[in-house]
């Protein structure tokens, strides 16, 4: 049995500010993620698996591990709308453009909202059950849209 170990991280900060130093986050199954900022303010994420780079990205403002062992990336869409993508540990986007994600069930079901539709989808984003957000009896009095 083996595991992965991050031996060292070399940091070359751009200033004396603490915010420019890289951060290491432990992930499940011996993985870890390195988060660092560049001079332009972009955040870069590198995910390591078994002592080697699994993938690197700067497409997200934040990247975190969901309790099910998947990664969720947060970004803004073209219109400035907050969006989430569900990724695997190789950096493949499994389900994109989610406007609301409420965890991930152990069986891989996603309670999500995408656009004006909400419901349950699988990890690839296919709807298993969905409804329009306008189908509630409280639509005219609710501000949940």
Protein backbone atom coordinates (compact mmCIF):
# COMPACT_ATOMS: atom_id res chain seq x y z
CA UNK A 1 0.00 0.00 0.00
CA UNK A 2 1.28 3.41 -0.84
CA UNK A 3 0.24 6.96 -0.63
CA UNK A 4 1.39 10.22 -2.01
CA UNK A 5 3.43 12.77 -0.21
CA UNK A 6 4.14 16.35 -1.16
CA UNK A 7 7.79 16.68 -0.22
CA UNK A 8 8.32 20.41 -0.62
CA UNK A 9 6.88 23.54 -2.17
CA UNK A 10 9.21 26.27 -3.37
CA UNK A 11 7.74 29.74 -2.97
CA UNK A 12 8.95 32.86 -4.68
CA UNK A 13 6.60 35.55 -3.33
CA UNK A 14 6.17 38.75 -5.33
CA UNK A 15 6.04 40.92 -2.20
CA UNK A 16 6.11 40.70 1.55
CA UNK A 17 2.35 40.25 1.58
CA UNK A 18 1.16 36.93 3.00
CA UNK A 19 -1.53 36.62 0.31
CA UNK A 20 1.04 35.85 -2.40
CA UNK A 21 2.29 32.65 -0.79
CA UNK A 22 1.01 29.32 -2.09
CA UNK A 23 -1.46 27.27 -0.06
CA UNK A 24 -1.58 23.49 0.03
CA UNK A 25 -4.89 21.72 0.67
CA UNK A 26 -5.10 18.01 1.45
CA UNK A 27 -7.69 16.17 -0.64
CA UNK A 28 -9.06 12.64 -0.35
CA UNK A 29 -7.19 9.50 -1.42
CA UNK A 30 -3.71 10.99 -0.95
CA UNK A 31 -4.23 13.92 -3.31
CA UNK A 32 -3.37 17.53 -2.63
CA UNK A 33 -3.97 20.88 -4.30
CA UNK A 34 -1.57 23.81 -4.57
CA UNK A 35 -3.19 27.26 -4.84
CA UNK A 36 -1.10 30.30 -5.83
CA UNK A 37 -1.71 33.82 -7.13
CA UNK A 38 0.22 35.60 -9.86
CA UNK A 39 1.02 39.30 -10.25
CA UNK A 40 -2.16 39.94 -12.26
CA UNK A 41 -4.34 38.61 -9.44
CA UNK A 42 -5.24 35.33 -11.18
CA UNK A 43 -5.42 32.25 -9.00
CA UNK A 44 -3.76 29.05 -10.24
CA UNK A 45 -4.68 25.60 -8.96
CA UNK A 46 -2.56 22.48 -9.42
CA UNK A 47 -3.91 19.12 -8.30
CA UNK A 48 -1.37 16.39 -7.51
CA UNK A 49 -2.09 12.68 -7.53
CA UNK A 50 0.51 10.08 -6.49
CA UNK A 51 3.38 12.62 -6.45
CA UNK A 52 2.74 13.89 -9.96
CA UNK A 53 0.62 16.64 -11.48
CA UNK A 54 -2.88 15.50 -12.32
CA UNK A 55 -3.96 18.83 -13.82
CA UNK A 56 -3.47 22.58 -13.53
CA UNK A 57 -5.99 25.35 -14.20
CA UNK A 58 -6.53 29.07 -13.76
CA UNK A 59 -10.11 29.01 -15.08
CA UNK A 60 -11.71 29.21 -11.63
CA UNK A 61 -11.87 31.83 -8.90
CA UNK A 62 -12.09 29.01 -6.35
CA UNK A 63 -11.75 25.26 -6.53
CA UNK A 64 -12.72 22.95 -3.70
CA UNK A 65 -13.44 19.30 -3.06
CA UNK A 66 -17.05 18.27 -2.61
CA UNK A 67 -17.75 15.68 0.09
CA UNK A 68 -18.21 12.99 -2.56
CA UNK A 69 -14.64 13.31 -3.81
CA UNK A 70 -15.33 15.51 -6.82
CA UNK A 71 -14.03 19.03 -7.38
CA UNK A 72 -16.27 22.07 -7.76
CA UNK A 73 -14.92 25.09 -9.61
CA UNK A 74 -16.48 28.54 -9.19
CA UNK A 75 -16.33 31.12 -11.98
CA UNK A 76 -18.31 33.96 -13.51
CA UNK A 77 -20.13 33.46 -16.82
CA UNK A 78 -20.20 35.92 -19.72
CA UNK A 79 -23.03 37.94 -18.20
CA UNK A 80 -21.35 38.05 -14.78
CA UNK A 81 -23.53 35.25 -13.42
CA UNK A 82 -21.95 33.00 -10.77
CA UNK A 83 -21.50 29.49 -12.18
CA UNK A 84 -20.10 26.19 -10.92
CA UNK A 85 -18.56 23.26 -12.77
CA UNK A 86 -18.19 19.72 -11.42
CA UNK A 87 -14.78 18.20 -12.25
CA UNK A 88 -13.02 14.90 -11.72
CA UNK A 89 -9.44 14.71 -10.42
CA UNK A 90 -8.06 14.70 -13.96
CA UNK A 91 -9.59 18.13 -14.61
CA UNK A 92 -12.37 16.86 -16.87
CA UNK A 93 -15.57 18.89 -16.57
CA UNK A 94 -18.37 16.44 -15.76
CA UNK A 95 -21.21 18.96 -15.49
CA UNK A 96 -20.89 22.62 -16.49
CA UNK A 97 -22.73 25.91 -15.98
CA UNK A 98 -24.50 25.04 -12.73
CA UNK A 99 -26.05 28.10 -11.08
CA UNK A 100 -26.69 26.32 -7.77
CA UNK A 101 -25.30 23.07 -6.42
CA UNK A 102 -26.43 21.65 -3.10
CA UNK A 103 -23.87 18.93 -2.51
CA UNK A 104 -23.50 15.62 -4.24
CA UNK A 105 -25.26 12.51 -3.06
CA UNK A 106 -23.20 9.35 -2.53
CA UNK A 107 -24.92 7.71 -5.48
CA UNK A 108 -23.70 10.49 -7.80
CA UNK A 109 -26.95 12.45 -7.96
CA UNK A 110 -26.72 16.23 -8.09
CA UNK A 111 -29.42 18.50 -6.69
CA UNK A 112 -28.75 21.45 -9.00
CA UNK A 113 -30.20 24.49 -10.70
CA UNK A 114 -29.06 25.31 -14.22
CA UNK A 115 -30.64 28.32 -15.86
CA UNK A 116 -34.36 28.28 -15.06
CA UNK A 117 -34.46 24.53 -14.39
CA UNK A 118 -33.91 22.75 -11.09
CA UNK A 119 -33.93 19.11 -10.13
CA UNK A 120 -31.73 16.01 -9.95
CA UNK A 121 -29.04 15.29 -12.52
CA UNK A 122 -26.37 12.64 -12.82
CA UNK A 123 -22.66 13.56 -12.79
CA UNK A 124 -22.69 14.12 -16.56
CA UNK A 125 -25.42 16.74 -16.21
CA UNK A 126 -28.28 14.68 -17.69
CA UNK A 127 -31.53 15.51 -15.98
CA UNK A 128 -33.10 12.56 -14.14
CA UNK A 129 -35.92 14.69 -12.80
CA UNK A 130 -36.41 18.39 -13.38
CA UNK A 131 -38.92 21.20 -13.29
CA UNK A 132 -39.02 24.82 -14.20
CA UNK A 133 -38.31 27.15 -11.31
CA UNK A 134 -41.60 28.82 -12.25
CA UNK A 135 -43.70 25.72 -11.39
CA UNK A 136 -44.07 26.43 -7.67
CA UNK A 137 -47.42 27.67 -6.29
CA UNK A 138 -45.48 30.48 -4.62
CA UNK A 139 -43.87 31.74 -7.85
CA UNK A 140 -45.48 35.12 -7.79
CA UNK A 141 -44.50 35.80 -4.18
CA UNK A 142 -41.10 34.08 -4.11
CA UNK A 143 -37.84 35.85 -4.85
CA UNK A 144 -35.92 32.61 -5.52
CA UNK A 145 -35.30 33.24 -9.21
